[in-house]
Amino acid sequence: MSTIDPSRLLQMRSSILNQNQALQRAAGRGAAGGIDGGVGGPGGDAAGTPDFGAAISNALQQVNAQQHRASDLSESYERGDTHDIVSVMIERQKASLGFETTLQVRNKLLSAYRDIMNMPV
């Protein structure tokens, strides 16, 4: 079993933090208007606001892709094609975190929907 390289861990931590900041910026600004640059079309309306359905769809596709990467890497490790258990476990944790986040977002959306539906008219 190999030793843990602190510089590699710090580099991975930095990468994760950078990705998190990028996601927060994208959520705050609406991902720069979507696919077509932000004016009309599937990316948003004329004011440049993002399309909620497209944002959710994109997020689900990213979580699905992460799940597939983790699964492929796990299978590769099980076959003996790779011996880097650290990268396998990191990818599996990323996939797990993405899935848990998706579940929490779904739960919040359902809760908000129920609250709206129960409002008196």
N, C-alpha and C. Protein backbone atom coordinates (compact mmCIF):
# COMPACT_ATOMS: atom_id res chain seq x y z
N MET A 1 0.85 -1.17 0.00
CA MET A 1 0.00 0.00 0.00
C MET A 1 0.89 1.24 0.00
N SER A 2 0.54 2.23 -0.78
CA SER A 2 1.37 3.43 -0.90
C SER A 2 1.08 4.42 0.23
N THR A 3 2.03 5.32 0.45
CA THR A 3 1.85 6.34 1.48
C THR A 3 1.06 7.51 0.90
N ILE A 4 0.48 8.28 1.79
CA ILE A 4 -0.32 9.43 1.38
C ILE A 4 0.61 10.62 1.18
N ASP A 5 0.52 11.23 0.02
CA ASP A 5 1.34 12.39 -0.30
C ASP A 5 0.57 13.65 0.09
N PRO A 6 1.04 14.39 1.11
CA PRO A 6 0.31 15.57 1.57
C PRO A 6 0.14 16.64 0.49
N SER A 7 1.13 16.80 -0.37
CA SER A 7 0.99 17.82 -1.41
C SER A 7 -0.11 17.45 -2.41
N ARG A 8 -0.25 16.16 -2.68
CA ARG A 8 -1.31 15.72 -3.60
C ARG A 8 -2.68 15.93 -2.96
N LEU A 9 -2.79 15.66 -1.65
CA LEU A 9 -4.05 15.89 -0.96
C LEU A 9 -4.41 17.37 -0.96
N LEU A 10 -3.43 18.23 -0.72
CA LEU A 10 -3.69 19.66 -0.73
C LEU A 10 -4.09 20.13 -2.12
N GLN A 11 -3.48 19.55 -3.15
CA GLN A 11 -3.83 19.90 -4.51
C GLN A 11 -5.27 19.48 -4.83
N MET A 12 -5.67 18.28 -4.39
CA MET A 12 -7.04 17.83 -4.61
C MET A 12 -8.03 18.70 -3.85
N ARG A 13 -7.66 19.07 -2.61
CA ARG A 13 -8.52 19.94 -1.81
C ARG A 13 -8.70 21.28 -2.50
N SER A 14 -7.61 21.83 -3.00
CA SER A 14 -7.67 23.10 -3.71
C SER A 14 -8.55 22.99 -4.95
N SER A 15 -8.43 21.90 -5.67
CA SER A 15 -9.25 21.68 -6.86
C SER A 15 -10.73 21.61 -6.50
N ILE A 16 -11.05 20.91 -5.44
CA ILE A 16 -12.44 20.79 -5.01
C ILE A 16 -12.98 22.14 -4.59
N LEU A 17 -12.19 22.91 -3.85
CA LEU A 17 -12.63 24.25 -3.43
C LEU A 17 -12.84 25.16 -4.64
N ASN A 18 -11.96 25.08 -5.62
CA ASN A 18 -12.13 25.88 -6.83
C ASN A 18 -13.40 25.51 -7.58
N GLN A 19 -13.68 24.20 -7.67
CA GLN A 19 -14.91 23.76 -8.33
C GLN A 19 -16.13 24.24 -7.56
N ASN A 20 -16.06 24.20 -6.24
CA ASN A 20 -17.17 24.66 -5.41
C ASN A 20 -17.42 26.15 -5.62
N GLN A 21 -16.34 26.95 -5.67
CA GLN A 21 -16.50 28.38 -5.91
C GLN A 21 -17.09 28.64 -7.29
N ALA A 22 -16.66 27.87 -8.28
CA ALA A 22 -17.20 28.04 -9.63
C ALA A 22 -18.68 27.71 -9.65
N LEU A 23 -19.09 26.67 -8.94
CA LEU A 23 -20.51 26.31 -8.87
C LEU A 23 -21.31 27.40 -8.17
N GLN A 24 -20.75 27.97 -7.11
CA GLN A 24 -21.45 29.03 -6.40
C GLN A 24 -21.59 30.27 -7.28
N ARG A 25 -20.53 30.61 -8.02
CA ARG A 25 -20.62 31.74 -8.93
C ARG A 25 -21.66 31.48 -10.02
N ALA A 26 -21.67 30.25 -10.54
CA ALA A 26 -22.64 29.91 -11.59
C ALA A 26 -24.06 29.97 -11.05
N ALA A 27 -24.27 29.52 -9.83
CA ALA A 27 -25.60 29.56 -9.23
C ALA A 27 -26.03 30.99 -8.97
N GLY A 28 -25.10 31.83 -8.58
CA GLY A 28 -25.43 33.22 -8.29
C GLY A 28 -25.70 34.04 -9.53
N ARG A 29 -25.02 33.75 -10.61
CA ARG A 29 -25.15 34.52 -11.84
C ARG A 29 -25.95 33.80 -12.90
N GLY A 30 -26.44 32.62 -12.63
CA GLY A 30 -27.23 31.89 -13.61
C GLY A 30 -26.38 31.27 -14.70
N ALA A 31 -25.18 30.85 -14.39
CA ALA A 31 -24.29 30.13 -15.31
C ALA A 31 -24.05 30.90 -16.59
N ALA A 32 -23.92 32.21 -16.50
CA ALA A 32 -23.60 33.09 -17.63
C ALA A 32 -24.59 32.97 -18.77
N GLY A 33 -25.85 32.68 -18.45
CA GLY A 33 -26.89 32.75 -19.47
C GLY A 33 -27.17 31.48 -20.23
N GLY A 34 -26.49 30.41 -19.99
CA GLY A 34 -26.83 29.15 -20.62
C GLY A 34 -26.02 28.87 -21.87
N ILE A 35 -26.56 28.05 -22.73
CA ILE A 35 -25.85 27.51 -23.89
C ILE A 35 -25.60 28.57 -24.95
N ASP A 36 -26.62 29.39 -25.25
CA ASP A 36 -26.51 30.28 -26.40
C ASP A 36 -26.03 31.68 -26.05
N GLY A 37 -25.49 31.88 -24.87
CA GLY A 37 -24.96 33.18 -24.51
C GLY A 37 -25.90 34.01 -23.66
N GLY A 38 -27.13 33.59 -23.47
CA GLY A 38 -27.97 34.22 -22.49
C GLY A 38 -29.13 35.04 -23.01
N VAL A 39 -29.28 35.33 -24.28
CA VAL A 39 -30.39 36.15 -24.73
C VAL A 39 -31.37 35.28 -25.47
N GLY A 40 -32.51 35.01 -24.84
CA GLY A 40 -33.55 34.19 -25.45
C GLY A 40 -33.13 32.74 -25.59
N GLY A 41 -33.94 31.96 -26.24
CA GLY A 41 -33.61 30.56 -26.52
C GLY A 41 -33.61 29.70 -25.28
N PRO A 42 -32.96 28.53 -25.36
CA PRO A 42 -33.02 27.58 -24.27
C PRO A 42 -32.26 28.00 -23.03
N GLY A 43 -31.34 28.94 -23.14
CA GLY A 43 -30.54 29.34 -21.98
C GLY A 43 -31.24 30.29 -21.05
N GLY A 44 -32.27 30.98 -21.48
CA GLY A 44 -32.95 31.92 -20.61
C GLY A 44 -33.84 32.83 -21.44
N ASP A 45 -34.46 33.82 -20.75
CA ASP A 45 -35.31 34.75 -21.47
C ASP A 45 -34.52 35.97 -21.89
N ALA A 46 -35.20 36.97 -22.41
CA ALA A 46 -34.53 38.15 -22.96
C ALA A 46 -33.76 38.92 -21.89
N ALA A 47 -34.15 38.82 -20.61
CA ALA A 47 -33.46 39.52 -19.53
C ALA A 47 -32.19 38.80 -19.12
N GLY A 48 -31.93 37.62 -19.66
CA GLY A 48 -30.71 36.88 -19.35
C GLY A 48 -30.83 35.98 -18.14
N THR A 49 -32.03 35.77 -17.62
CA THR A 49 -32.20 34.88 -16.49
C THR A 49 -32.12 33.44 -16.96
N PRO A 50 -31.57 32.57 -16.14
CA PRO A 50 -31.39 31.18 -16.57
C PRO A 50 -32.71 30.41 -16.60
N ASP A 51 -32.74 29.38 -17.40
CA ASP A 51 -33.87 28.48 -17.48
C ASP A 51 -33.73 27.45 -16.37
N PHE A 52 -34.67 27.41 -15.44
CA PHE A 52 -34.58 26.53 -14.28
C PHE A 52 -34.54 25.06 -14.70
N GLY A 53 -35.38 24.69 -15.65
CA GLY A 53 -35.40 23.30 -16.11
C GLY A 53 -34.07 22.87 -16.71
N ALA A 54 -33.46 23.78 -17.48
CA ALA A 54 -32.16 23.45 -18.09
C ALA A 54 -31.08 23.32 -17.02
N ALA A 55 -31.15 24.18 -16.00
CA ALA A 55 -30.15 24.11 -14.93
C ALA A 55 -30.28 22.79 -14.16
N ILE A 56 -31.49 22.39 -13.86
CA ILE A 56 -31.71 21.12 -13.14
C ILE A 56 -31.28 19.95 -14.01
N SER A 57 -31.64 19.98 -15.28
CA SER A 57 -31.26 18.91 -16.20
C SER A 57 -29.74 18.79 -16.30
N ASN A 58 -29.06 19.91 -16.41
CA ASN A 58 -27.61 19.93 -16.50
C ASN A 58 -26.99 19.35 -15.22
N ALA A 59 -27.52 19.74 -14.07
CA ALA A 59 -27.00 19.23 -12.81
C ALA A 59 -27.19 17.72 -12.70
N LEU A 60 -28.36 17.23 -13.11
CA LEU A 60 -28.62 15.79 -13.07
C LEU A 60 -27.70 15.02 -14.02
N GLN A 61 -27.43 15.60 -15.18
CA GLN A 61 -26.51 14.96 -16.11
C GLN A 61 -25.10 14.89 -15.54
N GLN A 62 -24.68 15.94 -14.85
CA GLN A 62 -23.35 15.94 -14.23
C GLN A 62 -23.26 14.89 -13.12
N VAL A 63 -24.31 14.78 -12.30
CA VAL A 63 -24.32 13.77 -11.25
C VAL A 63 -24.31 12.38 -11.86
N ASN A 64 -25.06 12.18 -12.92
CA ASN A 64 -25.09 10.88 -13.60
C ASN A 64 -23.72 10.54 -14.17
N ALA A 65 -23.06 11.52 -14.78
CA ALA A 65 -21.72 11.28 -15.34
C ALA A 65 -20.72 10.93 -14.23
N GLN A 66 -20.83 11.60 -13.10
CA GLN A 66 -19.94 11.30 -11.97
C GLN A 66 -20.19 9.88 -11.45
N GLN A 67 -21.46 9.48 -11.41
CA GLN A 67 -21.80 8.12 -10.98
C GLN A 67 -21.18 7.09 -11.93
N HIS A 68 -21.25 7.37 -13.23
CA HIS A 68 -20.67 6.45 -14.21
C HIS A 68 -19.14 6.38 -14.09
N ARG A 69 -18.50 7.54 -13.89
CA ARG A 69 -17.04 7.55 -13.72
C ARG A 69 -16.64 6.72 -12.50
N ALA A 70 -17.36 6.90 -11.40
CA ALA A 70 -17.04 6.16 -10.17
C ALA A 70 -17.26 4.66 -10.39
N SER A 71 -18.33 4.31 -11.07
CA SER A 71 -18.62 2.91 -11.34
C SER A 71 -17.54 2.29 -12.24
N ASP A 72 -17.17 3.01 -13.29
CA ASP A 72 -16.14 2.50 -14.20
C ASP A 72 -14.81 2.33 -13.49
N LEU A 73 -14.44 3.29 -12.66
CA LEU A 73 -13.18 3.21 -11.94
C LEU A 73 -13.20 2.06 -10.92
N SER A 74 -14.34 1.86 -10.26
CA SER A 74 -14.47 0.75 -9.32
C SER A 74 -14.33 -0.60 -10.03
N GLU A 75 -15.00 -0.72 -11.19
CA GLU A 75 -14.90 -1.95 -11.96
C GLU A 75 -13.47 -2.18 -12.44
N SER A 76 -12.81 -1.12 -12.83
CA SER A 76 -11.43 -1.22 -13.27
C SER A 76 -10.54 -1.72 -12.13
N TYR A 77 -10.78 -1.21 -10.93
CA TYR A 77 -10.01 -1.66 -9.77
C TYR A 77 -10.30 -3.12 -9.45
N GLU A 78 -11.56 -3.51 -9.54
CA GLU A 78 -11.94 -4.89 -9.25
C GLU A 78 -11.33 -5.86 -10.26
N ARG A 79 -11.19 -5.44 -11.52
CA ARG A 79 -10.57 -6.28 -12.54
C ARG A 79 -9.05 -6.33 -12.41
N GLY A 80 -8.49 -5.39 -11.65
CA GLY A 80 -7.04 -5.34 -11.49
C GLY A 80 -6.35 -4.46 -12.51
N ASP A 81 -7.12 -3.69 -13.26
CA ASP A 81 -6.53 -2.79 -14.26
C ASP A 81 -5.80 -1.62 -13.62
N THR A 82 -6.23 -1.23 -12.43
CA THR A 82 -5.58 -0.14 -11.71
C THR A 82 -5.38 -0.56 -10.25
N HIS A 83 -4.37 0.03 -9.62
CA HIS A 83 -4.09 -0.29 -8.22
C HIS A 83 -4.19 0.94 -7.34
N ASP A 84 -4.73 2.03 -7.87
CA ASP A 84 -4.83 3.29 -7.14
C ASP A 84 -6.17 3.35 -6.40
N ILE A 85 -6.19 2.76 -5.21
CA ILE A 85 -7.43 2.73 -4.42
C ILE A 85 -7.84 4.12 -3.97
N VAL A 86 -6.88 5.02 -3.82
CA VAL A 86 -7.20 6.38 -3.38
C VAL A 86 -8.08 7.08 -4.40
N SER A 87 -7.72 7.01 -5.67
CA SER A 87 -8.53 7.67 -6.69
C SER A 87 -9.90 7.00 -6.81
N VAL A 88 -9.96 5.70 -6.63
CA VAL A 88 -11.24 5.00 -6.67
C VAL A 88 -12.14 5.50 -5.55
N MET A 89 -11.60 5.59 -4.35
CA MET A 89 -12.40 6.03 -3.20
C MET A 89 -12.80 7.50 -3.33
N ILE A 90 -11.93 8.33 -3.86
CA ILE A 90 -12.27 9.74 -4.04
C ILE A 90 -13.41 9.89 -5.04
N GLU A 91 -13.33 9.17 -6.15
CA GLU A 91 -14.40 9.25 -7.15
C GLU A 91 -15.71 8.73 -6.59
N ARG A 92 -15.64 7.66 -5.79
CA ARG A 92 -16.87 7.14 -5.19
C ARG A 92 -17.47 8.13 -4.20
N GLN A 93 -16.61 8.82 -3.44
CA GLN A 93 -17.10 9.82 -2.50
C GLN A 93 -17.70 11.02 -3.24
N LYS A 94 -17.08 11.43 -4.34
CA LYS A 94 -17.64 12.51 -5.15
C LYS A 94 -19.03 12.13 -5.66
N ALA A 95 -19.15 10.89 -6.14
CA ALA A 95 -20.43 10.43 -6.66
C ALA A 95 -21.47 10.37 -5.55
N SER A 96 -21.06 9.91 -4.39
CA SER A 96 -21.97 9.83 -3.25
C SER A 96 -22.42 11.22 -2.82
N LEU A 97 -21.49 12.15 -2.77
CA LEU A 97 -21.83 13.52 -2.38
C LEU A 97 -22.77 14.16 -3.39
N GLY A 98 -22.52 13.95 -4.66
CA GLY A 98 -23.40 14.48 -5.69
C GLY A 98 -24.80 13.91 -5.58
N PHE A 99 -24.90 12.62 -5.32
CA PHE A 99 -26.20 11.98 -5.18
C PHE A 99 -26.94 12.50 -3.96
N GLU A 100 -26.23 12.61 -2.83
CA GLU A 100 -26.86 13.13 -1.62
C GLU A 100 -27.33 14.56 -1.81
N THR A 101 -26.54 15.37 -2.50
CA THR A 101 -26.93 16.75 -2.77
C THR A 101 -28.17 16.78 -3.64
N THR A 102 -28.22 15.92 -4.63
CA THR A 102 -29.39 15.84 -5.51
C THR A 102 -30.64 15.48 -4.71
N LEU A 103 -30.51 14.53 -3.80
CA LEU A 103 -31.65 14.16 -2.96
C LEU A 103 -32.11 15.32 -2.09
N GLN A 104 -31.16 16.06 -1.52
CA GLN A 104 -31.52 17.19 -0.67
C GLN A 104 -32.21 18.29 -1.47
N VAL A 105 -31.73 18.55 -2.68
CA VAL A 105 -32.38 19.56 -3.53
C VAL A 105 -33.79 19.10 -3.88
N ARG A 106 -33.92 17.84 -4.21
CA ARG A 106 -35.26 17.31 -4.52
C ARG A 106 -36.20 17.46 -3.34
N ASN A 107 -35.70 17.14 -2.14
CA ASN A 107 -36.53 17.25 -0.94
C ASN A 107 -36.95 18.70 -0.69
N LYS A 108 -36.03 19.63 -0.89
CA LYS A 108 -36.36 21.06 -0.70
C LYS A 108 -37.38 21.52 -1.73
N LEU A 109 -37.22 21.08 -2.97
CA LEU A 109 -38.18 21.46 -4.01
C LEU A 109 -39.57 20.91 -3.71
N LEU A 110 -39.64 19.66 -3.27
CA LEU A 110 -40.93 19.08 -2.92
C LEU A 110 -41.57 19.79 -1.74
N SER A 111 -40.75 20.15 -0.77
CA SER A 111 -41.26 20.87 0.39
C SER A 111 -41.79 22.24 -0.02
N ALA A 112 -41.07 22.94 -0.88
CA ALA A 112 -41.53 24.25 -1.36
C ALA A 112 -42.82 24.10 -2.16
N TYR A 113 -42.90 23.07 -2.98
CA TYR A 113 -44.11 22.83 -3.77
C TYR A 113 -45.31 22.59 -2.84
N ARG A 114 -45.11 21.75 -1.82
CA ARG A 114 -46.20 21.48 -0.87
C ARG A 114 -46.62 22.76 -0.15
N ASP A 115 -45.64 23.57 0.25
CA ASP A 115 -45.97 24.83 0.93
C ASP A 115 -46.80 25.75 0.03
N ILE A 116 -46.41 25.84 -1.22
CA ILE A 116 -47.15 26.68 -2.15
C ILE A 116 -48.56 26.15 -2.38
N MET A 117 -48.69 24.83 -2.52
CA MET A 117 -49.99 24.23 -2.77
C MET A 117 -50.92 24.36 -1.55
N ASN A 118 -50.36 24.45 -0.36
CA ASN A 118 -51.17 24.56 0.85
C ASN A 118 -51.47 26.00 1.24
N MET A 119 -50.99 26.97 0.47
CA MET A 119 -51.29 28.37 0.76
C MET A 119 -52.76 28.65 0.50
N PRO A 120 -53.36 29.42 1.40
CA PRO A 120 -54.77 29.78 1.13
C PRO A 120 -54.86 30.77 -0.04
N VAL A 121 -55.92 30.63 -0.80
CA VAL A 121 -56.08 31.49 -1.97
C VAL A 121 -56.88 32.73 -1.61
